[in-house]
């Protein structure tokens, strides 16, 4: 079997630029890789924040339903007598 040719990120950046010498790396490539890394970290952090907010909301909803079932009235509603 032949060797599979998978293009790495560095080769992809060189190909986008039209450069045929992927042996040298200049400041543009380092800046592009840094920017992509920062974007990836930001997107991952945002996803973790959204997922944790959804899980906390689900937990609050479950606890509110359980409290209503156990004590017979809803949290946050006034009982007028």
N, C-alpha and C. Protein backbone atom coordinates (compact mmCIF):
# COMPACT_ATOMS: atom_id res chain seq x y z
N UNK A 1 0.84 -1.18 0.00
CA UNK A 1 0.00 0.00 0.00
C UNK A 1 0.89 1.25 0.00
N UNK A 2 0.42 2.26 -0.71
CA UNK A 2 1.16 3.50 -0.79
C UNK A 2 1.00 4.35 0.46
N UNK A 3 1.90 5.28 0.59
CA UNK A 3 1.84 6.17 1.75
C UNK A 3 0.70 7.17 1.56
N UNK A 4 -0.15 7.28 2.58
CA UNK A 4 -1.25 8.24 2.52
C UNK A 4 -0.69 9.65 2.67
N UNK A 5 -1.24 10.57 1.89
CA UNK A 5 -0.77 11.94 1.93
C UNK A 5 -1.82 12.81 2.60
N UNK A 6 -1.65 13.05 3.89
CA UNK A 6 -2.56 13.91 4.62
C UNK A 6 -1.94 15.29 4.72
N UNK A 7 -2.72 16.30 4.38
CA UNK A 7 -2.21 17.66 4.41
C UNK A 7 -2.35 18.21 5.83
N UNK A 8 -1.25 18.67 6.39
CA UNK A 8 -1.29 19.29 7.71
C UNK A 8 -1.71 20.75 7.60
N UNK A 9 -1.82 21.38 8.74
CA UNK A 9 -2.26 22.77 8.77
C UNK A 9 -1.22 23.68 8.12
N UNK A 10 0.05 23.40 8.36
CA UNK A 10 1.10 24.23 7.76
C UNK A 10 1.07 24.12 6.25
N UNK A 11 0.94 22.92 5.72
CA UNK A 11 0.89 22.74 4.27
C UNK A 11 -0.36 23.38 3.69
N UNK A 12 -1.47 23.32 4.43
CA UNK A 12 -2.70 23.96 3.96
C UNK A 12 -2.52 25.47 3.85
N UNK A 13 -1.86 26.07 4.84
CA UNK A 13 -1.63 27.51 4.79
C UNK A 13 -0.73 27.88 3.62
N UNK A 14 0.30 27.08 3.38
CA UNK A 14 1.20 27.36 2.25
C UNK A 14 0.46 27.22 0.93
N UNK A 15 -0.40 26.21 0.83
CA UNK A 15 -1.14 26.00 -0.41
C UNK A 15 -2.12 27.15 -0.66
N UNK A 16 -2.76 27.65 0.40
CA UNK A 16 -3.66 28.78 0.25
C UNK A 16 -2.93 30.02 -0.25
N UNK A 17 -1.69 30.18 0.17
CA UNK A 17 -0.90 31.33 -0.24
C UNK A 17 -0.30 31.16 -1.62
N UNK A 18 -0.28 29.95 -2.10
CA UNK A 18 0.33 29.69 -3.39
C UNK A 18 1.83 29.45 -3.31
N UNK A 19 2.33 29.23 -2.11
CA UNK A 19 3.76 29.01 -1.91
C UNK A 19 4.06 27.53 -2.14
N UNK A 20 5.14 27.27 -2.82
CA UNK A 20 5.50 25.88 -3.09
C UNK A 20 6.66 25.40 -2.23
N UNK A 21 7.12 26.22 -1.32
CA UNK A 21 8.24 25.82 -0.46
C UNK A 21 7.79 25.78 0.99
N UNK A 22 7.22 24.67 1.43
CA UNK A 22 6.76 24.60 2.82
C UNK A 22 7.87 24.35 3.83
N UNK A 23 9.13 24.55 3.44
CA UNK A 23 10.23 24.32 4.37
C UNK A 23 10.49 25.55 5.24
N UNK A 24 10.17 26.72 4.74
CA UNK A 24 10.41 27.94 5.51
C UNK A 24 9.11 28.44 6.11
N UNK A 25 9.20 28.93 7.32
CA UNK A 25 8.04 29.47 8.01
C UNK A 25 8.36 30.92 8.36
N UNK A 26 7.48 31.83 7.95
CA UNK A 26 7.72 33.23 8.29
C UNK A 26 6.68 33.70 9.30
N UNK A 27 6.71 34.99 9.59
CA UNK A 27 5.85 35.53 10.64
C UNK A 27 4.37 35.44 10.30
N UNK A 28 4.03 35.50 9.01
CA UNK A 28 2.62 35.40 8.62
C UNK A 28 2.05 34.04 8.99
N UNK A 29 2.84 33.01 8.78
CA UNK A 29 2.38 31.66 9.11
C UNK A 29 2.23 31.48 10.61
N UNK A 30 3.17 32.01 11.36
CA UNK A 30 3.08 31.91 12.82
C UNK A 30 1.87 32.67 13.32
N UNK A 31 1.64 33.86 12.75
CA UNK A 31 0.47 34.65 13.16
C UNK A 31 -0.83 33.94 12.80
N UNK A 32 -0.87 33.31 11.63
CA UNK A 32 -2.08 32.59 11.22
C UNK A 32 -2.34 31.40 12.14
N UNK A 33 -1.29 30.66 12.47
CA UNK A 33 -1.45 29.52 13.37
C UNK A 33 -1.87 29.96 14.77
N UNK A 34 -1.29 31.07 15.25
CA UNK A 34 -1.67 31.60 16.55
C UNK A 34 -3.13 32.03 16.55
N UNK A 35 -3.54 32.71 15.48
CA UNK A 35 -4.93 33.16 15.38
C UNK A 35 -5.89 31.98 15.36
N UNK A 36 -5.56 30.95 14.58
CA UNK A 36 -6.42 29.77 14.53
C UNK A 36 -6.47 29.06 15.88
N UNK A 37 -5.35 29.02 16.58
CA UNK A 37 -5.33 28.41 17.91
C UNK A 37 -6.17 29.18 18.91
N UNK A 38 -6.05 30.51 18.87
CA UNK A 38 -6.84 31.34 19.78
C UNK A 38 -8.33 31.20 19.47
N UNK A 39 -8.68 31.17 18.19
CA UNK A 39 -10.09 30.98 17.81
C UNK A 39 -10.61 29.63 18.28
N UNK A 40 -9.79 28.59 18.14
CA UNK A 40 -10.22 27.26 18.58
C UNK A 40 -10.43 27.22 20.09
N UNK A 41 -9.53 27.85 20.84
CA UNK A 41 -9.69 27.88 22.30
C UNK A 41 -10.94 28.67 22.68
N UNK A 42 -11.18 29.80 22.00
CA UNK A 42 -12.36 30.61 22.30
C UNK A 42 -13.64 29.85 22.00
N UNK A 43 -13.69 29.16 20.86
CA UNK A 43 -14.89 28.41 20.49
C UNK A 43 -15.12 27.25 21.46
N UNK A 44 -14.05 26.57 21.85
CA UNK A 44 -14.19 25.47 22.82
C UNK A 44 -14.69 26.00 24.16
N UNK A 45 -14.15 27.13 24.61
CA UNK A 45 -14.60 27.72 25.87
C UNK A 45 -16.05 28.15 25.81
N UNK A 46 -16.44 28.72 24.68
CA UNK A 46 -17.82 29.15 24.51
C UNK A 46 -18.76 27.94 24.53
N UNK A 47 -18.35 26.86 23.89
CA UNK A 47 -19.18 25.65 23.89
C UNK A 47 -19.31 25.08 25.30
N UNK A 48 -18.23 25.07 26.06
CA UNK A 48 -18.28 24.57 27.43
C UNK A 48 -19.21 25.45 28.27
N UNK A 49 -19.13 26.78 28.07
CA UNK A 49 -19.99 27.70 28.81
C UNK A 49 -21.46 27.45 28.48
N UNK A 50 -21.78 27.30 27.20
CA UNK A 50 -23.17 27.09 26.78
C UNK A 50 -23.70 25.76 27.32
N UNK A 51 -22.90 24.71 27.20
CA UNK A 51 -23.34 23.39 27.68
C UNK A 51 -23.54 23.40 29.19
N UNK A 52 -22.63 24.04 29.93
CA UNK A 52 -22.80 24.07 31.39
C UNK A 52 -24.00 24.92 31.78
N UNK A 53 -24.27 26.01 31.05
CA UNK A 53 -25.46 26.82 31.35
C UNK A 53 -26.74 26.02 31.10
N UNK A 54 -26.76 25.25 30.03
CA UNK A 54 -27.93 24.42 29.74
C UNK A 54 -28.11 23.34 30.81
N UNK A 55 -27.02 22.74 31.25
CA UNK A 55 -27.12 21.71 32.28
C UNK A 55 -27.57 22.29 33.61
N UNK A 56 -27.09 23.50 33.95
CA UNK A 56 -27.54 24.14 35.19
C UNK A 56 -29.03 24.48 35.10
N UNK A 57 -29.47 24.97 33.95
CA UNK A 57 -30.89 25.25 33.76
C UNK A 57 -31.75 24.01 33.88
N UNK A 58 -31.27 22.90 33.32
CA UNK A 58 -32.00 21.64 33.44
C UNK A 58 -32.06 21.17 34.88
N UNK A 59 -30.95 21.31 35.61
CA UNK A 59 -30.93 20.92 37.02
C UNK A 59 -31.90 21.76 37.84
N UNK A 60 -31.94 23.07 37.59
CA UNK A 60 -32.88 23.93 38.31
C UNK A 60 -34.31 23.53 38.01
N UNK A 61 -34.59 23.22 36.74
CA UNK A 61 -35.95 22.81 36.38
C UNK A 61 -36.34 21.50 37.07
N UNK A 62 -35.44 20.54 37.10
CA UNK A 62 -35.72 19.26 37.76
C UNK A 62 -35.93 19.47 39.25
N UNK A 63 -35.08 20.28 39.87
CA UNK A 63 -35.23 20.52 41.31
C UNK A 63 -36.52 21.26 41.62
N UNK A 64 -36.93 22.19 40.76
CA UNK A 64 -38.18 22.92 40.98
C UNK A 64 -39.38 21.97 40.88
N UNK A 65 -39.37 21.07 39.89
CA UNK A 65 -40.46 20.10 39.75
C UNK A 65 -40.50 19.17 40.96
N UNK A 66 -39.34 18.74 41.42
CA UNK A 66 -39.29 17.86 42.58
C UNK A 66 -39.79 18.58 43.84
N UNK A 67 -39.45 19.85 43.98
CA UNK A 67 -39.91 20.63 45.13
C UNK A 67 -41.42 20.81 45.11
N UNK A 68 -41.97 21.08 43.91
CA UNK A 68 -43.42 21.20 43.77
C UNK A 68 -44.12 19.89 44.12
N UNK A 69 -43.56 18.79 43.66
CA UNK A 69 -44.17 17.49 43.92
C UNK A 69 -44.13 17.16 45.41
N UNK A 70 -43.03 17.49 46.05
CA UNK A 70 -42.87 17.11 47.45
C UNK A 70 -43.65 18.02 48.39
N UNK A 71 -43.63 19.34 48.15
CA UNK A 71 -44.23 20.27 49.10
C UNK A 71 -45.54 20.86 48.63
N UNK A 72 -45.93 20.62 47.41
CA UNK A 72 -47.26 20.96 46.96
C UNK A 72 -47.46 22.36 46.42
N UNK A 73 -46.44 23.20 46.39
CA UNK A 73 -46.62 24.51 45.78
C UNK A 73 -45.34 24.90 45.04
N UNK A 74 -45.50 25.87 44.19
CA UNK A 74 -44.41 26.24 43.30
C UNK A 74 -43.47 27.23 43.98
N UNK A 75 -42.24 27.17 43.60
CA UNK A 75 -41.24 28.11 44.10
C UNK A 75 -41.45 29.44 43.39
N UNK A 76 -41.46 30.51 44.15
CA UNK A 76 -41.57 31.83 43.54
C UNK A 76 -42.98 32.38 43.49
N UNK A 77 -43.99 31.57 43.73
CA UNK A 77 -45.38 32.05 43.73
C UNK A 77 -45.79 32.45 45.13
N UNK A 78 -46.52 33.53 45.20
CA UNK A 78 -47.02 33.97 46.51
C UNK A 78 -48.32 33.22 46.84
N UNK A 79 -48.44 32.88 48.06
CA UNK A 79 -49.68 32.25 48.53
C UNK A 79 -50.51 33.35 49.18
N UNK A 80 -51.62 33.68 48.55
CA UNK A 80 -52.49 34.74 49.07
C UNK A 80 -53.52 34.11 49.99
N UNK A 81 -53.58 34.62 51.21
CA UNK A 81 -54.56 34.04 52.14
C UNK A 81 -55.50 35.09 52.69
